């Protein structure tokens, strides 16, 4: 069974990665980005989305243990 501490850590990590994702999305809304800036932000956004996928898979496994 997943411990309360483990779930808290998973929630905290998921929250942080969601905030990172929003930060990169907001950064892409800046009108005058150079090509390099846009590429860097898109790379970071891609990594954040990948991390979200991994974290939600882990979360799902532990969540099932709680139910």
PDB file of N, CA and C in Angstrom:
ATOM      1  N   UNK A   1       0.845  -1.191   0.000  1.00  0.00           N
ATOM      2  CA  UNK A   1       0.000   0.000   0.000  1.00  0.00           C
ATOM      3  C   UNK A   1       0.886   1.249   0.000  1.00  0.00           C
ATOM      4  N   UNK A   2       0.523   2.229  -0.782  1.00  0.00           N
ATOM      5  CA  UNK A   2       1.292   3.465  -0.866  1.00  0.00           C
ATOM      6  C   UNK A   2       1.132   4.256   0.426  1.00  0.00           C
ATOM      7  N   UNK A   3       2.239   4.721   0.943  1.00  0.00           N
ATOM      8  CA  UNK A   3       2.183   5.480   2.191  1.00  0.00           C
ATOM      9  C   UNK A   3       1.729   6.913   1.923  1.00  0.00           C
ATOM     10  N   UNK A   4       1.230   7.518   2.991  1.00  0.00           N
ATOM     11  CA  UNK A   4       0.801   8.917   2.898  1.00  0.00           C
ATOM     12  C   UNK A   4       1.980   9.804   2.485  1.00  0.00           C
ATOM     13  N   UNK A   5       3.159   9.529   3.048  1.00  0.00           N
ATOM     14  CA  UNK A   5       4.356  10.322   2.716  1.00  0.00           C
ATOM     15  C   UNK A   5       4.698  10.193   1.229  1.00  0.00           C
ATOM     16  N   UNK A   6       4.614   8.968   0.697  1.00  0.00           N
ATOM     17  CA  UNK A   6       4.920   8.752  -0.712  1.00  0.00           C
ATOM     18  C   UNK A   6       3.927   9.506  -1.601  1.00  0.00           C
ATOM     19  N   UNK A   7       2.655   9.451  -1.245  1.00  0.00           N
ATOM     20  CA  UNK A   7       1.649  10.157  -2.031  1.00  0.00           C
ATOM     21  C   UNK A   7       1.863  11.666  -1.978  1.00  0.00           C
ATOM     22  N   UNK A   8       2.257  12.169  -0.818  1.00  0.00           N
ATOM     23  CA  UNK A   8       2.547  13.603  -0.691  1.00  0.00           C
ATOM     24  C   UNK A   8       3.692  13.993  -1.608  1.00  0.00           C
ATOM     25  N   UNK A   9       4.730  13.171  -1.641  1.00  0.00           N
ATOM     26  CA  UNK A   9       5.873  13.445  -2.522  1.00  0.00           C
ATOM     27  C   UNK A   9       5.430  13.419  -3.980  1.00  0.00           C
ATOM     28  N   UNK A  10       4.632  12.414  -4.347  1.00  0.00           N
ATOM     29  CA  UNK A  10       4.157  12.327  -5.733  1.00  0.00           C
ATOM     30  C   UNK A  10       3.295  13.531  -6.106  1.00  0.00           C
ATOM     31  N   UNK A  11       2.410  13.948  -5.187  1.00  0.00           N
ATOM     32  CA  UNK A  11       1.589  15.142  -5.449  1.00  0.00           C
ATOM     33  C   UNK A  11       2.465  16.380  -5.621  1.00  0.00           C
ATOM     34  N   UNK A  12       3.456  16.535  -4.759  1.00  0.00           N
ATOM     35  CA  UNK A  12       4.355  17.699  -4.840  1.00  0.00           C
ATOM     36  C   UNK A  12       5.121  17.721  -6.161  1.00  0.00           C
ATOM     37  N   UNK A  13       5.618  16.552  -6.573  1.00  0.00           N
ATOM     38  CA  UNK A  13       6.355  16.480  -7.839  1.00  0.00           C
ATOM     39  C   UNK A  13       5.437  16.758  -9.021  1.00  0.00           C
ATOM     40  N   UNK A  14       4.241  16.217  -8.965  1.00  0.00           N
ATOM     41  CA  UNK A  14       3.276  16.453 -10.044  1.00  0.00           C
ATOM     42  C   UNK A  14       2.902  17.926 -10.115  1.00  0.00           C
ATOM     43  N   UNK A  15       2.674  18.535  -8.972  1.00  0.00           N
ATOM     44  CA  UNK A  15       2.340  19.957  -8.930  1.00  0.00           C
ATOM     45  C   UNK A  15       3.468  20.804  -9.521  1.00  0.00           C
ATOM     46  N   UNK A  16       4.703  20.504  -9.136  1.00  0.00           N
ATOM     47  CA  UNK A  16       5.844  21.281  -9.630  1.00  0.00           C
ATOM     48  C   UNK A  16       5.976  21.148 -11.143  1.00  0.00           C
ATOM     49  N   UNK A  17       5.801  19.946 -11.657  1.00  0.00           N
ATOM     50  CA  UNK A  17       5.925  19.755 -13.099  1.00  0.00           C
ATOM     51  C   UNK A  17       4.785  20.429 -13.850  1.00  0.00           C
ATOM     52  N   UNK A  18       3.595  20.455 -13.274  1.00  0.00           N
ATOM     53  CA  UNK A  18       2.479  21.197 -13.883  1.00  0.00           C
ATOM     54  C   UNK A  18       2.809  22.683 -13.945  1.00  0.00           C
ATOM     55  N   UNK A  19       3.363  23.206 -12.867  1.00  0.00           N
ATOM     56  CA  UNK A  19       3.749  24.627 -12.846  1.00  0.00           C
ATOM     57  C   UNK A  19       4.826  24.919 -13.880  1.00  0.00           C
ATOM     58  N   UNK A  20       5.788  24.017 -14.018  1.00  0.00           N
ATOM     59  CA  UNK A  20       6.828  24.190 -15.042  1.00  0.00           C
ATOM     60  C   UNK A  20       6.215  24.213 -16.432  1.00  0.00           C
ATOM     61  N   UNK A  21       5.275  23.314 -16.671  1.00  0.00           N
ATOM     62  CA  UNK A  21       4.625  23.241 -17.985  1.00  0.00           C
ATOM     63  C   UNK A  21       3.898  24.541 -18.297  1.00  0.00           C
ATOM     64  N   UNK A  22       3.148  25.048 -17.338  1.00  0.00           N
ATOM     65  CA  UNK A  22       2.431  26.317 -17.530  1.00  0.00           C
ATOM     66  C   UNK A  22       3.423  27.453 -17.778  1.00  0.00           C
ATOM     67  N   UNK A  23       4.528  27.451 -17.054  1.00  0.00           N
ATOM     68  CA  UNK A  23       5.553  28.490 -17.222  1.00  0.00           C
ATOM     69  C   UNK A  23       6.068  28.507 -18.666  1.00  0.00           C
ATOM     70  N   UNK A  24       6.336  27.327 -19.223  1.00  0.00           N
ATOM     71  CA  UNK A  24       6.846  27.268 -20.600  1.00  0.00           C
ATOM     72  C   UNK A  24       5.774  27.649 -21.617  1.00  0.00           C
ATOM     73  N   UNK A  25       4.550  27.269 -21.361  1.00  0.00           N
ATOM     74  CA  UNK A  25       3.454  27.671 -22.256  1.00  0.00           C
ATOM     75  C   UNK A  25       3.310  29.188 -22.252  1.00  0.00           C
ATOM     76  N   UNK A  26       3.352  29.783 -21.073  1.00  0.00           N
ATOM     77  CA  UNK A  26       3.258  31.239 -20.965  1.00  0.00           C
ATOM     78  C   UNK A  26       4.445  31.912 -21.658  1.00  0.00           C
ATOM     79  N   UNK A  27       5.605  31.328 -21.538  1.00  0.00           N
ATOM     80  CA  UNK A  27       6.800  31.903 -22.176  1.00  0.00           C
ATOM     81  C   UNK A  27       6.657  31.913 -23.690  1.00  0.00           C
ATOM     82  N   UNK A  28       5.981  30.916 -24.236  1.00  0.00           N
ATOM     83  CA  UNK A  28       5.790  30.868 -25.690  1.00  0.00           C
ATOM     84  C   UNK A  28       4.830  31.937 -26.195  1.00  0.00           C
ATOM     85  N   UNK A  29       4.064  32.528 -25.293  1.00  0.00           N
ATOM     86  CA  UNK A  29       3.112  33.568 -25.685  1.00  0.00           C
ATOM     87  C   UNK A  29       3.776  34.927 -25.890  1.00  0.00           C
ATOM     88  N   UNK A  30       5.039  35.048 -25.504  1.00  0.00           N
ATOM     89  CA  UNK A  30       5.767  36.301 -25.713  1.00  0.00           C
ATOM     90  C   UNK A  30       5.888  36.531 -27.218  1.00  0.00           C
ATOM     91  N   UNK A  31       5.549  37.715 -27.639  1.00  0.00           N
ATOM     92  CA  UNK A  31       5.451  38.013 -29.075  1.00  0.00           C
ATOM     93  C   UNK A  31       6.814  37.980 -29.779  1.00  0.00           C
ATOM     94  N   UNK A  32       7.796  38.578 -29.183  1.00  0.00           N
ATOM     95  CA  UNK A  32       9.086  38.711 -29.876  1.00  0.00           C
ATOM     96  C   UNK A  32      10.144  37.779 -29.289  1.00  0.00           C
ATOM     97  N   UNK A  33      10.002  36.520 -29.599  1.00  0.00           N
ATOM     98  CA  UNK A  33      11.012  35.547 -29.200  1.00  0.00           C
ATOM     99  C   UNK A  33      11.924  35.286 -30.386  1.00  0.00           C
ATOM    100  N   UNK A  34      13.196  35.150 -30.103  1.00  0.00           N
ATOM    101  CA  UNK A  34      14.107  34.769 -31.179  1.00  0.00           C
ATOM    102  C   UNK A  34      13.875  33.290 -31.489  1.00  0.00           C
ATOM    103  N   UNK A  35      14.374  32.872 -32.624  1.00  0.00           N
ATOM    104  CA  UNK A  35      14.240  31.468 -33.016  1.00  0.00           C
ATOM    105  C   UNK A  35      14.885  30.569 -31.958  1.00  0.00           C
ATOM    106  N   UNK A  36      16.066  30.967 -31.471  1.00  0.00           N
ATOM    107  CA  UNK A  36      16.761  30.176 -30.455  1.00  0.00           C
ATOM    108  C   UNK A  36      15.977  30.118 -29.150  1.00  0.00           C
ATOM    109  N   UNK A  37      15.391  31.241 -28.737  1.00  0.00           N
ATOM    110  CA  UNK A  37      14.589  31.250 -27.515  1.00  0.00           C
ATOM    111  C   UNK A  37      13.391  30.312 -27.646  1.00  0.00           C
ATOM    112  N   UNK A  38      12.727  30.396 -28.789  1.00  0.00           N
ATOM    113  CA  UNK A  38      11.553  29.557 -29.019  1.00  0.00           C
ATOM    114  C   UNK A  38      11.947  28.077 -29.006  1.00  0.00           C
ATOM    115  N   UNK A  39      13.058  27.746 -29.651  1.00  0.00           N
ATOM    116  CA  UNK A  39      13.524  26.358 -29.671  1.00  0.00           C
ATOM    117  C   UNK A  39      13.864  25.872 -28.268  1.00  0.00           C
ATOM    118  N   UNK A  40      14.526  26.721 -27.474  1.00  0.00           N
ATOM    119  CA  UNK A  40      14.874  26.351 -26.098  1.00  0.00           C
ATOM    120  C   UNK A  40      13.614  26.106 -25.262  1.00  0.00           C
ATOM    121  N   UNK A  41      12.650  27.000 -25.387  1.00  0.00           N
ATOM    122  CA  UNK A  41      11.406  26.869 -24.624  1.00  0.00           C
ATOM    123  C   UNK A  41      10.651  25.621 -25.058  1.00  0.00           C
ATOM    124  N   UNK A  42      10.580  25.373 -26.351  1.00  0.00           N
ATOM    125  CA  UNK A  42       9.891  24.174 -26.841  1.00  0.00           C
ATOM    126  C   UNK A  42      10.575  22.901 -26.342  1.00  0.00           C
ATOM    127  N   UNK A  43      11.898  22.932 -26.281  1.00  0.00           N
ATOM    128  CA  UNK A  43      12.639  21.781 -25.743  1.00  0.00           C
ATOM    129  C   UNK A  43      12.313  21.553 -24.275  1.00  0.00           C
ATOM    130  N   UNK A  44      12.281  22.630 -23.508  1.00  0.00           N
ATOM    131  CA  UNK A  44      11.944  22.528 -22.084  1.00  0.00           C
ATOM    132  C   UNK A  44      10.500  22.073 -21.899  1.00  0.00           C
ATOM    133  N   UNK A  45       9.605  22.580 -22.727  1.00  0.00           N
ATOM    134  CA  UNK A  45       8.201  22.182 -22.655  1.00  0.00           C
ATOM    135  C   UNK A  45       8.051  20.697 -22.978  1.00  0.00           C
ATOM    136  N   UNK A  46       8.750  20.246 -23.980  1.00  0.00           N
ATOM    137  CA  UNK A  46       8.708  18.829 -24.342  1.00  0.00           C
ATOM    138  C   UNK A  46       9.191  17.958 -23.186  1.00  0.00           C
ATOM    139  N   UNK A  47      10.273  18.374 -22.539  1.00  0.00           N
ATOM    140  CA  UNK A  47      10.797  17.618 -21.393  1.00  0.00           C
ATOM    141  C   UNK A  47       9.802  17.627 -20.238  1.00  0.00           C
ATOM    142  N   UNK A  48       9.182  18.768 -19.983  1.00  0.00           N
ATOM    143  CA  UNK A  48       8.198  18.865 -18.899  1.00  0.00           C
ATOM    144  C   UNK A  48       7.006  17.955 -19.166  1.00  0.00           C
ATOM    145  N   UNK A  49       6.546  17.909 -20.409  1.00  0.00           N
ATOM    146  CA  UNK A  49       5.418  17.041 -20.765  1.00  0.00           C
ATOM    147  C   UNK A  49       5.801  15.576 -20.593  1.00  0.00           C
ATOM    148  N   UNK A  50       7.012  15.221 -20.978  1.00  0.00           N
ATOM    149  CA  UNK A  50       7.492  13.853 -20.785  1.00  0.00           C
ATOM    150  C   UNK A  50       7.519  13.503 -19.305  1.00  0.00           C
ATOM    151  N   UNK A  51       8.015  14.417 -18.481  1.00  0.00           N
ATOM    152  CA  UNK A  51       8.046  14.190 -17.035  1.00  0.00           C
ATOM    153  C   UNK A  51       6.634  14.023 -16.485  1.00  0.00           C
ATOM    154  N   UNK A  52       5.692  14.824 -16.992  1.00  0.00           N
ATOM    155  CA  UNK A  52       4.300  14.691 -16.549  1.00  0.00           C
ATOM    156  C   UNK A  52       3.745  13.304 -16.871  1.00  0.00           C
ATOM    157  N   UNK A  53       4.048  12.821 -18.042  1.00  0.00           N
ATOM    158  CA  UNK A  53       3.577  11.484 -18.424  1.00  0.00           C
ATOM    159  C   UNK A  53       4.119  10.429 -17.466  1.00  0.00           C
ATOM    160  N   UNK A  54       5.403  10.494 -17.193  1.00  0.00           N
ATOM    161  CA  UNK A  54       6.036   9.523 -16.296  1.00  0.00           C
ATOM    162  C   UNK A  54       5.455   9.634 -14.888  1.00  0.00           C
ATOM    163  N   UNK A  55       5.314  10.850 -14.409  1.00  0.00           N
ATOM    164  CA  UNK A  55       4.808  11.045 -13.056  1.00  0.00           C
ATOM    165  C   UNK A  55       3.353  10.613 -12.921  1.00  0.00           C
ATOM    166  N   UNK A  56       2.551  10.848 -13.951  1.00  0.00           N
ATOM    167  CA  UNK A  56       1.150  10.423 -13.860  1.00  0.00           C
ATOM    168  C   UNK A  56       1.045   8.900 -13.914  1.00  0.00           C
ATOM    169  N   UNK A  57       1.932   8.236 -14.636  1.00  0.00           N
ATOM    170  CA  UNK A  57       1.944   6.772 -14.634  1.00  0.00           C
ATOM    171  C   UNK A  57       2.268   6.260 -13.232  1.00  0.00           C
ATOM    172  N   UNK A  58       3.273   6.844 -12.594  1.00  0.00           N
ATOM    173  CA  UNK A  58       3.638   6.448 -11.231  1.00  0.00           C
ATOM    174  C   UNK A  58       2.485   6.741 -10.277  1.00  0.00           C
ATOM    175  N   UNK A  59       1.890   7.899 -10.448  1.00  0.00           N
ATOM    176  CA  UNK A  59       0.777   8.290  -9.593  1.00  0.00           C
ATOM    177  C   UNK A  59      -0.382   7.305  -9.738  1.00  0.00           C
ATOM    178  N   UNK A  60      -0.694   6.925 -10.980  1.00  0.00           N
ATOM    179  CA  UNK A  60      -1.786   5.982 -11.226  1.00  0.00           C
ATOM    180  C   UNK A  60      -1.539   4.655 -10.516  1.00  0.00           C
ATOM    181  N   UNK A  61      -0.310   4.159 -10.567  1.00  0.00           N
ATOM    182  CA  UNK A  61       0.019   2.890  -9.921  1.00  0.00           C
ATOM    183  C   UNK A  61      -0.208   2.983  -8.409  1.00  0.00           C
ATOM    184  N   UNK A  62       0.252   4.056  -7.808  1.00  0.00           N
ATOM    185  CA  UNK A  62       0.119   4.218  -6.363  1.00  0.00           C
ATOM    186  C   UNK A  62      -1.333   4.548  -5.974  1.00  0.00           C
ATOM    187  N   UNK A  63      -2.024   5.273  -6.840  1.00  0.00           N
ATOM    188  CA  UNK A  63      -3.412   5.618  -6.571  1.00  0.00           C
ATOM    189  C   UNK A  63      -4.282   4.375  -6.520  1.00  0.00           C
ATOM    190  N   UNK A  64      -4.018   3.440  -7.427  1.00  0.00           N
ATOM    191  CA  UNK A  64      -4.765   2.183  -7.450  1.00  0.00           C
ATOM    192  C   UNK A  64      -4.594   1.437  -6.132  1.00  0.00           C
ATOM    193  N   UNK A  65      -3.427   1.532  -5.520  1.00  0.00           N
ATOM    194  CA  UNK A  65      -3.172   0.863  -4.251  1.00  0.00           C
ATOM    195  C   UNK A  65      -4.010   1.468  -3.132  1.00  0.00           C
ATOM    196  N   UNK A  66      -4.396   2.736  -3.258  1.00  0.00           N
ATOM    197  CA  UNK A  66      -5.185   3.388  -2.224  1.00  0.00           C
ATOM    198  C   UNK A  66      -6.658   3.018  -2.282  1.00  0.00           C
ATOM    199  N   UNK A  67      -7.111   2.613  -3.465  1.00  0.00           N
ATOM    200  CA  UNK A  67      -8.536   2.312  -3.615  1.00  0.00           C
ATOM    201  C   UNK A  67      -8.840   0.857  -3.390  1.00  0.00           C
TER     202      UNK A  67
END
